[in-house]
């Protein structure tokens, strides 16, 4: 018979608990980034100056969307063309937006086809040094399992860093199986209630989700809106923009809840009109770590 040694067992268990308690959530490297969401990569002098002035080291570039075709199969759509290249030293992160109807059920080889298409686009356009892919998808509790299984397949096919967008309502769900998330601090409101609040960003819409931030297990980058949204309602054009004071206030309150959200900051999206919409000091505040 084996001699029982309860003291040794208890010591081992205690060490395991202490080790688990001491584990800290990984943090992203400090860095500034932008989304690029146009269908042709073409930078003018204002945009190039912006990238240099604010030390942008990553561009999340939308390569294509994935939509459902007439046969009910996912297919690429609105693929970007590359008339230009990014300045030296800026990392290209291919980003793919997937509509929600594409992931109501699994689709065989969809992940492998997506990764292969990105790799082919990189080779065709002499884009080297790509180390990461980001997937943008507004998943729900209903299709979360299908989406998470898809992400695992992408990660397996890609073999390198994989990130995904995280909308505020998704903070209450199980974290996706990726290396980190890009927390979307925009399109926070109901567009049908635009007379009450700005649907692009209102801190009152952000506030209910703050309680999830500190315990959320994934490393997070923070993405802020610098775009306008033109809508036609009853024949009247209405333009929505996020006021500088509003997203700076949101930046302040989310970083109070989770300090590491100041480490990696993204703006949506790179465009001359968006750049000229705000004062330089506003961008300095946004990208301040």
C-alpha atoms as a PDB file:
ATOM      1  CA  UNK A   1       0.000   0.000   0.000  1.00  0.00           C
ATOM      2  CA  UNK A   2       1.100   3.569  -0.679  1.00  0.00           C
ATOM      3  CA  UNK A   3       1.749   5.754   2.309  1.00  0.00           C
ATOM      4  CA  UNK A   4      -0.591   8.740   2.440  1.00  0.00           C
ATOM      5  CA  UNK A   5       1.065  12.124   2.709  1.00  0.00           C
ATOM      6  CA  UNK A   6      -1.782  14.659   3.085  1.00  0.00           C
ATOM      7  CA  UNK A   7       0.560  17.493   3.995  1.00  0.00           C
ATOM      8  CA  UNK A   8       2.391  17.169   0.664  1.00  0.00           C
ATOM      9  CA  UNK A   9      -0.886  17.040  -1.250  1.00  0.00           C
ATOM     10  CA  UNK A  10      -2.208  20.156   0.467  1.00  0.00           C
ATOM     11  CA  UNK A  11       1.032  22.019  -0.185  1.00  0.00           C
ATOM     12  CA  UNK A  12       0.826  21.143  -3.905  1.00  0.00           C
ATOM     13  CA  UNK A  13      -2.779  22.277  -4.095  1.00  0.00           C
ATOM     14  CA  UNK A  14      -1.928  25.518  -2.336  1.00  0.00           C
ATOM     15  CA  UNK A  15       0.939  26.180  -4.738  1.00  0.00           C
ATOM     16  CA  UNK A  16      -1.345  25.565  -7.722  1.00  0.00           C
ATOM     17  CA  UNK A  17      -3.927  28.022  -6.369  1.00  0.00           C
ATOM     18  CA  UNK A  18      -1.297  30.639  -5.663  1.00  0.00           C
ATOM     19  CA  UNK A  19       0.170  30.231  -9.140  1.00  0.00           C
ATOM     20  CA  UNK A  20      -3.250  30.591 -10.750  1.00  0.00           C
ATOM     21  CA  UNK A  21      -3.987  33.656  -8.635  1.00  0.00           C
ATOM     22  CA  UNK A  22      -0.760  35.312  -9.694  1.00  0.00           C
ATOM     23  CA  UNK A  23      -1.346  34.935 -13.404  1.00  0.00           C
ATOM     24  CA  UNK A  24      -1.904  38.252 -15.064  1.00  0.00           C
ATOM     25  CA  UNK A  25      -3.770  38.964 -18.251  1.00  0.00           C
ATOM     26  CA  UNK A  26      -1.381  39.589 -21.118  1.00  0.00           C
ATOM     27  CA  UNK A  27      -1.061  43.169 -22.309  1.00  0.00           C
ATOM     28  CA  UNK A  28      -0.644  44.357 -25.871  1.00  0.00           C
ATOM     29  CA  UNK A  29       2.445  46.262 -26.888  1.00  0.00           C
ATOM     30  CA  UNK A  30       1.973  50.019 -26.965  1.00  0.00           C
ATOM     31  CA  UNK A  31       1.127  51.243 -30.447  1.00  0.00           C
ATOM     32  CA  UNK A  32      -1.070  53.456 -32.599  1.00  0.00           C
ATOM     33  CA  UNK A  33      -3.190  52.123 -35.427  1.00  0.00           C
ATOM     34  CA  UNK A  34      -5.907  52.963 -37.943  1.00  0.00           C
ATOM     35  CA  UNK A  35      -8.501  51.049 -39.882  1.00  0.00           C
ATOM     36  CA  UNK A  36      -8.465  51.436 -43.655  1.00  0.00           C
ATOM     37  CA  UNK A  37     -11.951  50.678 -45.004  1.00  0.00           C
ATOM     38  CA  UNK A  38     -11.895  51.787 -48.638  1.00  0.00           C
ATOM     39  CA  UNK A  39     -11.865  49.534 -51.702  1.00  0.00           C
ATOM     40  CA  UNK A  40      -8.578  50.869 -53.084  1.00  0.00           C
ATOM     41  CA  UNK A  41      -5.406  51.378 -51.065  1.00  0.00           C
ATOM     42  CA  UNK A  42      -4.391  54.837 -52.194  1.00  0.00           C
ATOM     43  CA  UNK A  43      -2.885  57.372 -49.776  1.00  0.00           C
ATOM     44  CA  UNK A  44      -2.701  61.098 -50.369  1.00  0.00           C
ATOM     45  CA  UNK A  45      -0.197  63.471 -48.754  1.00  0.00           C
ATOM     46  CA  UNK A  46      -2.546  64.348 -45.869  1.00  0.00           C
ATOM     47  CA  UNK A  47      -3.012  60.688 -44.966  1.00  0.00           C
ATOM     48  CA  UNK A  48       0.707  59.933 -45.201  1.00  0.00           C
ATOM     49  CA  UNK A  49       1.489  62.903 -42.998  1.00  0.00           C
ATOM     50  CA  UNK A  50      -1.092  61.700 -40.482  1.00  0.00           C
ATOM     51  CA  UNK A  51       0.506  58.243 -40.302  1.00  0.00           C
ATOM     52  CA  UNK A  52       3.888  59.797 -39.644  1.00  0.00           C
ATOM     53  CA  UNK A  53       2.762  62.517 -37.231  1.00  0.00           C
ATOM     54  CA  UNK A  54       0.930  60.161 -34.884  1.00  0.00           C
ATOM     55  CA  UNK A  55       3.438  57.313 -35.101  1.00  0.00           C
ATOM     56  CA  UNK A  56       0.956  54.868 -36.618  1.00  0.00           C
ATOM     57  CA  UNK A  57       2.610  51.456 -36.694  1.00  0.00           C
ATOM     58  CA  UNK A  58      -0.342  49.276 -37.780  1.00  0.00           C
ATOM     59  CA  UNK A  59      -3.004  49.539 -40.454  1.00  0.00           C
ATOM     60  CA  UNK A  60      -5.977  47.180 -40.191  1.00  0.00           C
ATOM     61  CA  UNK A  61      -6.808  47.038 -43.877  1.00  0.00           C
ATOM     62  CA  UNK A  62     -10.131  45.612 -45.030  1.00  0.00           C
ATOM     63  CA  UNK A  63      -9.196  43.096 -47.745  1.00  0.00           C
ATOM     64  CA  UNK A  64     -12.724  41.943 -48.587  1.00  0.00           C
ATOM     65  CA  UNK A  65     -16.130  41.110 -47.135  1.00  0.00           C
ATOM     66  CA  UNK A  66     -17.670  37.660 -46.979  1.00  0.00           C
ATOM     67  CA  UNK A  67     -21.350  37.589 -47.961  1.00  0.00           C
ATOM     68  CA  UNK A  68     -23.907  34.945 -48.906  1.00  0.00           C
ATOM     69  CA  UNK A  69     -24.469  34.312 -52.595  1.00  0.00           C
ATOM     70  CA  UNK A  70     -27.721  33.284 -54.283  1.00  0.00           C
ATOM     71  CA  UNK A  71     -27.001  29.613 -53.576  1.00  0.00           C
ATOM     72  CA  UNK A  72     -26.642  30.224 -49.870  1.00  0.00           C
ATOM     73  CA  UNK A  73     -22.849  29.864 -49.902  1.00  0.00           C
ATOM     74  CA  UNK A  74     -20.312  32.374 -48.525  1.00  0.00           C
ATOM     75  CA  UNK A  75     -18.314  34.267 -51.119  1.00  0.00           C
ATOM     76  CA  UNK A  76     -15.852  37.219 -51.134  1.00  0.00           C
ATOM     77  CA  UNK A  77     -17.188  40.621 -52.064  1.00  0.00           C
ATOM     78  CA  UNK A  78     -15.831  44.184 -52.516  1.00  0.00           C
ATOM     79  CA  UNK A  79     -12.210  43.072 -52.657  1.00  0.00           C
ATOM     80  CA  UNK A  80      -9.661  45.831 -52.220  1.00  0.00           C
ATOM     81  CA  UNK A  81      -7.204  46.810 -54.951  1.00  0.00           C
ATOM     82  CA  UNK A  82      -3.705  48.046 -54.159  1.00  0.00           C
ATOM     83  CA  UNK A  83      -2.809  51.171 -56.128  1.00  0.00           C
ATOM     84  CA  UNK A  84      -0.394  52.184 -53.397  1.00  0.00           C
ATOM     85  CA  UNK A  85       1.733  50.749 -50.607  1.00  0.00           C
ATOM     86  CA  UNK A  86       2.003  51.558 -46.925  1.00  0.00           C
ATOM     87  CA  UNK A  87       4.984  53.599 -45.766  1.00  0.00           C
ATOM     88  CA  UNK A  88       7.967  51.568 -44.585  1.00  0.00           C
ATOM     89  CA  UNK A  89       7.764  50.362 -41.019  1.00  0.00           C
ATOM     90  CA  UNK A  90       3.967  50.157 -40.855  1.00  0.00           C
ATOM     91  CA  UNK A  91       2.510  46.684 -40.329  1.00  0.00           C
ATOM     92  CA  UNK A  92      -0.294  45.563 -42.624  1.00  0.00           C
ATOM     93  CA  UNK A  93      -3.057  43.590 -40.883  1.00  0.00           C
ATOM     94  CA  UNK A  94      -5.515  42.049 -43.365  1.00  0.00           C
ATOM     95  CA  UNK A  95      -9.037  42.434 -41.999  1.00  0.00           C
ATOM     96  CA  UNK A  96     -12.099  40.595 -43.270  1.00  0.00           C
ATOM     97  CA  UNK A  97     -15.687  41.534 -42.493  1.00  0.00           C
ATOM     98  CA  UNK A  98     -18.118  38.585 -42.422  1.00  0.00           C
ATOM     99  CA  UNK A  99     -21.872  39.201 -42.527  1.00  0.00           C
ATOM    100  CA  UNK A 100     -23.907  37.514 -39.833  1.00  0.00           C
ATOM    101  CA  UNK A 101     -25.864  35.274 -42.219  1.00  0.00           C
ATOM    102  CA  UNK A 102     -22.622  33.576 -43.306  1.00  0.00           C
ATOM    103  CA  UNK A 103     -22.100  32.012 -39.905  1.00  0.00           C
ATOM    104  CA  UNK A 104     -25.531  30.819 -38.917  1.00  0.00           C
ATOM    105  CA  UNK A 105     -24.192  27.347 -39.688  1.00  0.00           C
ATOM    106  CA  UNK A 106     -20.751  25.865 -40.428  1.00  0.00           C
ATOM    107  CA  UNK A 107     -19.433  25.984 -43.991  1.00  0.00           C
ATOM    108  CA  UNK A 108     -16.844  23.415 -44.973  1.00  0.00           C
ATOM    109  CA  UNK A 109     -13.381  24.781 -45.761  1.00  0.00           C
ATOM    110  CA  UNK A 110     -14.517  28.404 -45.335  1.00  0.00           C
ATOM    111  CA  UNK A 111     -11.672  29.185 -42.935  1.00  0.00           C
ATOM    112  CA  UNK A 112      -9.012  27.600 -45.157  1.00  0.00           C
ATOM    113  CA  UNK A 113     -10.347  29.389 -48.233  1.00  0.00           C
ATOM    114  CA  UNK A 114     -10.316  32.721 -46.411  1.00  0.00           C
ATOM    115  CA  UNK A 115      -6.708  32.308 -45.267  1.00  0.00           C
ATOM    116  CA  UNK A 116      -5.602  31.117 -48.710  1.00  0.00           C
ATOM    117  CA  UNK A 117      -7.263  34.102 -50.383  1.00  0.00           C
ATOM    118  CA  UNK A 118      -5.463  36.528 -48.061  1.00  0.00           C
ATOM    119  CA  UNK A 119      -2.145  34.808 -48.726  1.00  0.00           C
ATOM    120  CA  UNK A 120      -2.718  34.952 -52.489  1.00  0.00           C
ATOM    121  CA  UNK A 121      -3.564  38.658 -52.296  1.00  0.00           C
ATOM    122  CA  UNK A 122      -0.370  39.297 -50.358  1.00  0.00           C
ATOM    123  CA  UNK A 123       1.722  37.406 -52.898  1.00  0.00           C
ATOM    124  CA  UNK A 124       0.054  39.066 -55.902  1.00  0.00           C
ATOM    125  CA  UNK A 125       0.584  42.540 -54.488  1.00  0.00           C
ATOM    126  CA  UNK A 126       4.081  41.988 -53.047  1.00  0.00           C
ATOM    127  CA  UNK A 127       2.885  42.498 -49.480  1.00  0.00           C
ATOM    128  CA  UNK A 128       5.363  40.812 -47.171  1.00  0.00           C
ATOM    129  CA  UNK A 129       5.831  40.480 -43.436  1.00  0.00           C
ATOM    130  CA  UNK A 130       2.151  39.927 -42.629  1.00  0.00           C
ATOM    131  CA  UNK A 131       1.928  38.411 -39.143  1.00  0.00           C
ATOM    132  CA  UNK A 132      -1.718  38.849 -38.236  1.00  0.00           C
ATOM    133  CA  UNK A 133      -5.263  38.519 -39.529  1.00  0.00           C
ATOM    134  CA  UNK A 134      -8.314  40.199 -38.004  1.00  0.00           C
ATOM    135  CA  UNK A 135     -11.892  38.994 -38.439  1.00  0.00           C
ATOM    136  CA  UNK A 136     -14.770  41.459 -38.037  1.00  0.00           C
ATOM    137  CA  UNK A 137     -18.083  39.782 -37.255  1.00  0.00           C
ATOM    138  CA  UNK A 138     -21.070  40.842 -35.151  1.00  0.00           C
ATOM    139  CA  UNK A 139     -21.645  37.480 -33.505  1.00  0.00           C
ATOM    140  CA  UNK A 140     -24.497  36.784 -31.111  1.00  0.00           C
ATOM    141  CA  UNK A 141     -25.167  34.211 -28.409  1.00  0.00           C
ATOM    142  CA  UNK A 142     -27.076  32.223 -31.018  1.00  0.00           C
ATOM    143  CA  UNK A 143     -24.203  31.773 -33.477  1.00  0.00           C
ATOM    144  CA  UNK A 144     -21.293  32.152 -31.050  1.00  0.00           C
ATOM    145  CA  UNK A 145     -20.323  28.455 -31.117  1.00  0.00           C
ATOM    146  CA  UNK A 146     -20.269  28.357 -34.925  1.00  0.00           C
ATOM    147  CA  UNK A 147     -18.176  31.523 -35.027  1.00  0.00           C
ATOM    148  CA  UNK A 148     -15.732  30.355 -32.361  1.00  0.00           C
ATOM    149  CA  UNK A 149     -15.254  27.032 -34.137  1.00  0.00           C
ATOM    150  CA  UNK A 150     -14.606  29.003 -37.327  1.00  0.00           C
ATOM    151  CA  UNK A 151     -12.001  31.140 -35.541  1.00  0.00           C
ATOM    152  CA  UNK A 152     -10.216  28.004 -34.333  1.00  0.00           C
ATOM    153  CA  UNK A 153     -10.090  26.760 -37.923  1.00  0.00           C
ATOM    154  CA  UNK A 154      -8.705  30.120 -39.109  1.00  0.00           C
ATOM    155  CA  UNK A 155      -6.081  30.040 -36.380  1.00  0.00           C
ATOM    156  CA  UNK A 156      -5.089  26.500 -37.354  1.00  0.00           C
ATOM    157  CA  UNK A 157      -4.839  27.393 -41.056  1.00  0.00           C
ATOM    158  CA  UNK A 158      -3.037  30.684 -40.423  1.00  0.00           C
ATOM    159  CA  UNK A 159      -0.751  29.611 -37.590  1.00  0.00           C
ATOM    160  CA  UNK A 160       0.056  33.137 -36.470  1.00  0.00           C
ATOM    161  CA  UNK A 161      -1.650  35.995 -34.598  1.00  0.00           C
ATOM    162  CA  UNK A 162      -5.430  36.156 -34.949  1.00  0.00           C
ATOM    163  CA  UNK A 163      -7.642  38.911 -33.575  1.00  0.00           C
ATOM    164  CA  UNK A 164     -11.318  39.746 -33.799  1.00  0.00           C
ATOM    165  CA  UNK A 165     -13.528  42.749 -33.185  1.00  0.00           C
ATOM    166  CA  UNK A 166     -15.429  42.852 -29.902  1.00  0.00           C
ATOM    167  CA  UNK A 167     -18.621  44.887 -29.707  1.00  0.00           C
ATOM    168  CA  UNK A 168     -19.759  46.173 -26.336  1.00  0.00           C
ATOM    169  CA  UNK A 169     -22.631  43.717 -25.995  1.00  0.00           C
ATOM    170  CA  UNK A 170     -20.196  40.846 -26.575  1.00  0.00           C
ATOM    171  CA  UNK A 171     -18.211  41.676 -23.428  1.00  0.00           C
ATOM    172  CA  UNK A 172     -20.794  39.752 -21.392  1.00  0.00           C
ATOM    173  CA  UNK A 173     -20.182  36.576 -23.427  1.00  0.00           C
ATOM    174  CA  UNK A 174     -17.448  33.979 -23.295  1.00  0.00           C
ATOM    175  CA  UNK A 175     -14.271  35.387 -24.858  1.00  0.00           C
ATOM    176  CA  UNK A 176     -13.473  34.194 -28.396  1.00  0.00           C
ATOM    177  CA  UNK A 177     -10.486  31.872 -29.056  1.00  0.00           C
ATOM    178  CA  UNK A 178      -8.147  34.551 -30.447  1.00  0.00           C
ATOM    179  CA  UNK A 179      -4.980  36.300 -29.322  1.00  0.00           C
ATOM    180  CA  UNK A 180      -6.701  39.611 -28.600  1.00  0.00           C
ATOM    181  CA  UNK A 181      -9.770  41.681 -29.376  1.00  0.00           C
ATOM    182  CA  UNK A 182     -10.345  45.152 -30.846  1.00  0.00           C
ATOM    183  CA  UNK A 183     -13.032  46.739 -28.680  1.00  0.00           C
ATOM    184  CA  UNK A 184     -15.351  48.744 -30.928  1.00  0.00           C
ATOM    185  CA  UNK A 185     -16.270  51.936 -29.116  1.00  0.00           C
ATOM    186  CA  UNK A 186     -18.495  53.155 -31.933  1.00  0.00           C
ATOM    187  CA  UNK A 187     -21.921  52.472 -33.403  1.00  0.00           C
ATOM    188  CA  UNK A 188     -22.994  52.128 -29.795  1.00  0.00           C
ATOM    189  CA  UNK A 189     -26.544  53.439 -30.115  1.00  0.00           C
ATOM    190  CA  UNK A 190     -29.812  52.604 -31.791  1.00  0.00           C
ATOM    191  CA  UNK A 191     -29.988  54.425 -35.166  1.00  0.00           C
ATOM    192  CA  UNK A 192     -33.775  54.553 -34.784  1.00  0.00           C
ATOM    193  CA  UNK A 193     -33.354  56.763 -31.691  1.00  0.00           C
ATOM    194  CA  UNK A 194     -30.953  59.265 -33.216  1.00  0.00           C
ATOM    195  CA  UNK A 195     -32.983  62.221 -31.902  1.00  0.00           C
ATOM    196  CA  UNK A 196     -32.237  61.151 -28.322  1.00  0.00           C
ATOM    197  CA  UNK A 197     -28.570  60.152 -28.615  1.00  0.00           C
ATOM    198  CA  UNK A 198     -25.786  60.077 -31.163  1.00  0.00           C
ATOM    199  CA  UNK A 199     -25.860  56.516 -32.567  1.00  0.00           C
ATOM    200  CA  UNK A 200     -22.138  56.635 -33.384  1.00  0.00           C
ATOM    201  CA  UNK A 201     -21.072  57.160 -29.780  1.00  0.00           C
ATOM    202  CA  UNK A 202     -22.711  58.253 -26.547  1.00  0.00           C
ATOM    203  CA  UNK A 203     -21.151  57.557 -23.178  1.00  0.00           C
ATOM    204  CA  UNK A 204     -24.588  56.722 -21.778  1.00  0.00           C
ATOM    205  CA  UNK A 205     -24.686  53.747 -24.157  1.00  0.00           C
ATOM    206  CA  UNK A 206     -21.178  52.691 -23.127  1.00  0.00           C
ATOM    207  CA  UNK A 207     -21.708  52.957 -19.360  1.00  0.00           C
ATOM    208  CA  UNK A 208     -23.741  49.724 -18.838  1.00  0.00           C
ATOM    209  CA  UNK A 209     -20.878  47.629 -20.237  1.00  0.00           C
ATOM    210  CA  UNK A 210     -18.069  49.105 -18.145  1.00  0.00           C
ATOM    211  CA  UNK A 211     -18.590  46.489 -15.423  1.00  0.00           C
ATOM    212  CA  UNK A 212     -17.429  43.729 -17.783  1.00  0.00           C
ATOM    213  CA  UNK A 213     -14.129  45.328 -18.740  1.00  0.00           C
ATOM    214  CA  UNK A 214     -11.891  44.522 -15.802  1.00  0.00           C
ATOM    215  CA  UNK A 215     -12.731  40.802 -15.772  1.00  0.00           C
ATOM    216  CA  UNK A 216     -12.683  40.304 -19.538  1.00  0.00           C
ATOM    217  CA  UNK A 217      -9.868  37.784 -20.052  1.00  0.00           C
ATOM    218  CA  UNK A 218      -8.617  38.820 -23.498  1.00  0.00           C
ATOM    219  CA  UNK A 219      -6.069  41.572 -24.133  1.00  0.00           C
ATOM    220  CA  UNK A 220      -7.920  44.464 -25.784  1.00  0.00           C
ATOM    221  CA  UNK A 221      -7.109  47.314 -28.131  1.00  0.00           C
ATOM    222  CA  UNK A 222      -9.541  50.258 -28.147  1.00  0.00           C
ATOM    223  CA  UNK A 223     -11.078  51.523 -31.405  1.00  0.00           C
ATOM    224  CA  UNK A 224     -12.632  55.008 -31.576  1.00  0.00           C
ATOM    225  CA  UNK A 225     -14.786  56.657 -34.282  1.00  0.00           C
ATOM    226  CA  UNK A 226     -13.540  59.591 -36.354  1.00  0.00           C
ATOM    227  CA  UNK A 227     -16.043  59.163 -39.176  1.00  0.00           C
ATOM    228  CA  UNK A 228     -19.339  60.771 -40.119  1.00  0.00           C
ATOM    229  CA  UNK A 229     -22.553  58.988 -40.931  1.00  0.00           C
ATOM    230  CA  UNK A 230     -24.930  60.493 -43.469  1.00  0.00           C
ATOM    231  CA  UNK A 231     -28.517  59.274 -43.356  1.00  0.00           C
ATOM    232  CA  UNK A 232     -31.594  60.281 -45.314  1.00  0.00           C
ATOM    233  CA  UNK A 233     -34.736  60.272 -43.183  1.00  0.00           C
ATOM    234  CA  UNK A 234     -38.044  61.354 -44.729  1.00  0.00           C
ATOM    235  CA  UNK A 235     -36.080  62.978 -47.524  1.00  0.00           C
ATOM    236  CA  UNK A 236     -33.898  64.981 -45.136  1.00  0.00           C
ATOM    237  CA  UNK A 237     -30.137  64.443 -44.948  1.00  0.00           C
ATOM    238  CA  UNK A 238     -28.859  64.055 -41.395  1.00  0.00           C
ATOM    239  CA  UNK A 239     -25.143  63.823 -40.667  1.00  0.00           C
ATOM    240  CA  UNK A 240     -23.917  62.183 -37.484  1.00  0.00           C
ATOM    241  CA  UNK A 241     -20.407  62.683 -36.169  1.00  0.00           C
ATOM    242  CA  UNK A 242     -18.806  61.824 -32.867  1.00  0.00           C
ATOM    243  CA  UNK A 243     -17.915  65.011 -31.018  1.00  0.00           C
ATOM    244  CA  UNK A 244     -14.291  65.149 -29.936  1.00  0.00           C
ATOM    245  CA  UNK A 245     -15.337  65.826 -26.350  1.00  0.00           C
ATOM    246  CA  UNK A 246     -17.563  62.738 -26.376  1.00  0.00           C
ATOM    247  CA  UNK A 247     -15.020  60.141 -27.447  1.00  0.00           C
ATOM    248  CA  UNK A 248     -12.317  61.693 -25.276  1.00  0.00           C
ATOM    249  CA  UNK A 249     -14.694  61.351 -22.324  1.00  0.00           C
ATOM    250  CA  UNK A 250     -15.426  57.740 -23.289  1.00  0.00           C
ATOM    251  CA  UNK A 251     -11.676  57.120 -23.583  1.00  0.00           C
ATOM    252  CA  UNK A 252     -11.258  58.459 -20.060  1.00  0.00           C
ATOM    253  CA  UNK A 253     -13.988  56.342 -18.476  1.00  0.00           C
ATOM    254  CA  UNK A 254     -13.006  53.064 -20.151  1.00  0.00           C
ATOM    255  CA  UNK A 255      -9.359  53.541 -19.187  1.00  0.00           C
ATOM    256  CA  UNK A 256     -10.441  54.179 -15.608  1.00  0.00           C
ATOM    257  CA  UNK A 257     -12.031  50.732 -15.614  1.00  0.00           C
ATOM    258  CA  UNK A 258      -9.193  49.075 -17.505  1.00  0.00           C
ATOM    259  CA  UNK A 259      -5.901  50.922 -17.739  1.00  0.00           C
ATOM    260  CA  UNK A 260      -4.375  48.736 -20.473  1.00  0.00           C
ATOM    261  CA  UNK A 261      -6.939  50.068 -22.965  1.00  0.00           C
ATOM    262  CA  UNK A 262      -4.596  53.037 -23.348  1.00  0.00           C
ATOM    263  CA  UNK A 263      -1.774  50.857 -24.676  1.00  0.00           C
ATOM    264  CA  UNK A 264      -3.091  50.060 -28.141  1.00  0.00           C
ATOM    265  CA  UNK A 265      -5.390  52.606 -29.791  1.00  0.00           C
ATOM    266  CA  UNK A 266      -7.091  52.415 -33.196  1.00  0.00           C
ATOM    267  CA  UNK A 267      -9.169  55.013 -35.045  1.00  0.00           C
ATOM    268  CA  UNK A 268     -11.826  54.166 -37.607  1.00  0.00           C
ATOM    269  CA  UNK A 269     -10.987  55.056 -40.284  1.00  0.00           C
ATOM    270  CA  UNK A 270      -8.108  56.614 -42.255  1.00  0.00           C
ATOM    271  CA  UNK A 271      -9.490  59.215 -44.633  1.00  0.00           C
ATOM    272  CA  UNK A 272      -8.588  62.815 -45.470  1.00  0.00           C
ATOM    273  CA  UNK A 273     -12.044  64.112 -44.530  1.00  0.00           C
ATOM    274  CA  UNK A 274     -11.918  62.353 -41.177  1.00  0.00           C
ATOM    275  CA  UNK A 275      -8.439  63.717 -40.475  1.00  0.00           C
ATOM    276  CA  UNK A 276      -9.543  67.288 -41.194  1.00  0.00           C
ATOM    277  CA  UNK A 277     -12.692  66.916 -39.075  1.00  0.00           C
ATOM    278  CA  UNK A 278     -10.752  67.111 -35.807  1.00  0.00           C
ATOM    279  CA  UNK A 279      -8.000  69.316 -34.442  1.00  0.00           C
ATOM    280  CA  UNK A 280      -4.465  67.921 -34.103  1.00  0.00           C
ATOM    281  CA  UNK A 281      -4.696  68.163 -30.313  1.00  0.00           C
ATOM    282  CA  UNK A 282      -7.699  65.844 -30.401  1.00  0.00           C
ATOM    283  CA  UNK A 283      -5.687  63.172 -32.172  1.00  0.00           C
ATOM    284  CA  UNK A 284      -2.839  63.737 -29.736  1.00  0.00           C
ATOM    285  CA  UNK A 285      -5.277  63.003 -26.887  1.00  0.00           C
ATOM    286  CA  UNK A 286      -6.681  59.934 -28.651  1.00  0.00           C
ATOM    287  CA  UNK A 287      -3.243  58.423 -29.233  1.00  0.00           C
ATOM    288  CA  UNK A 288      -1.870  59.417 -25.830  1.00  0.00           C
ATOM    289  CA  UNK A 289      -0.720  56.359 -23.835  1.00  0.00           C
END
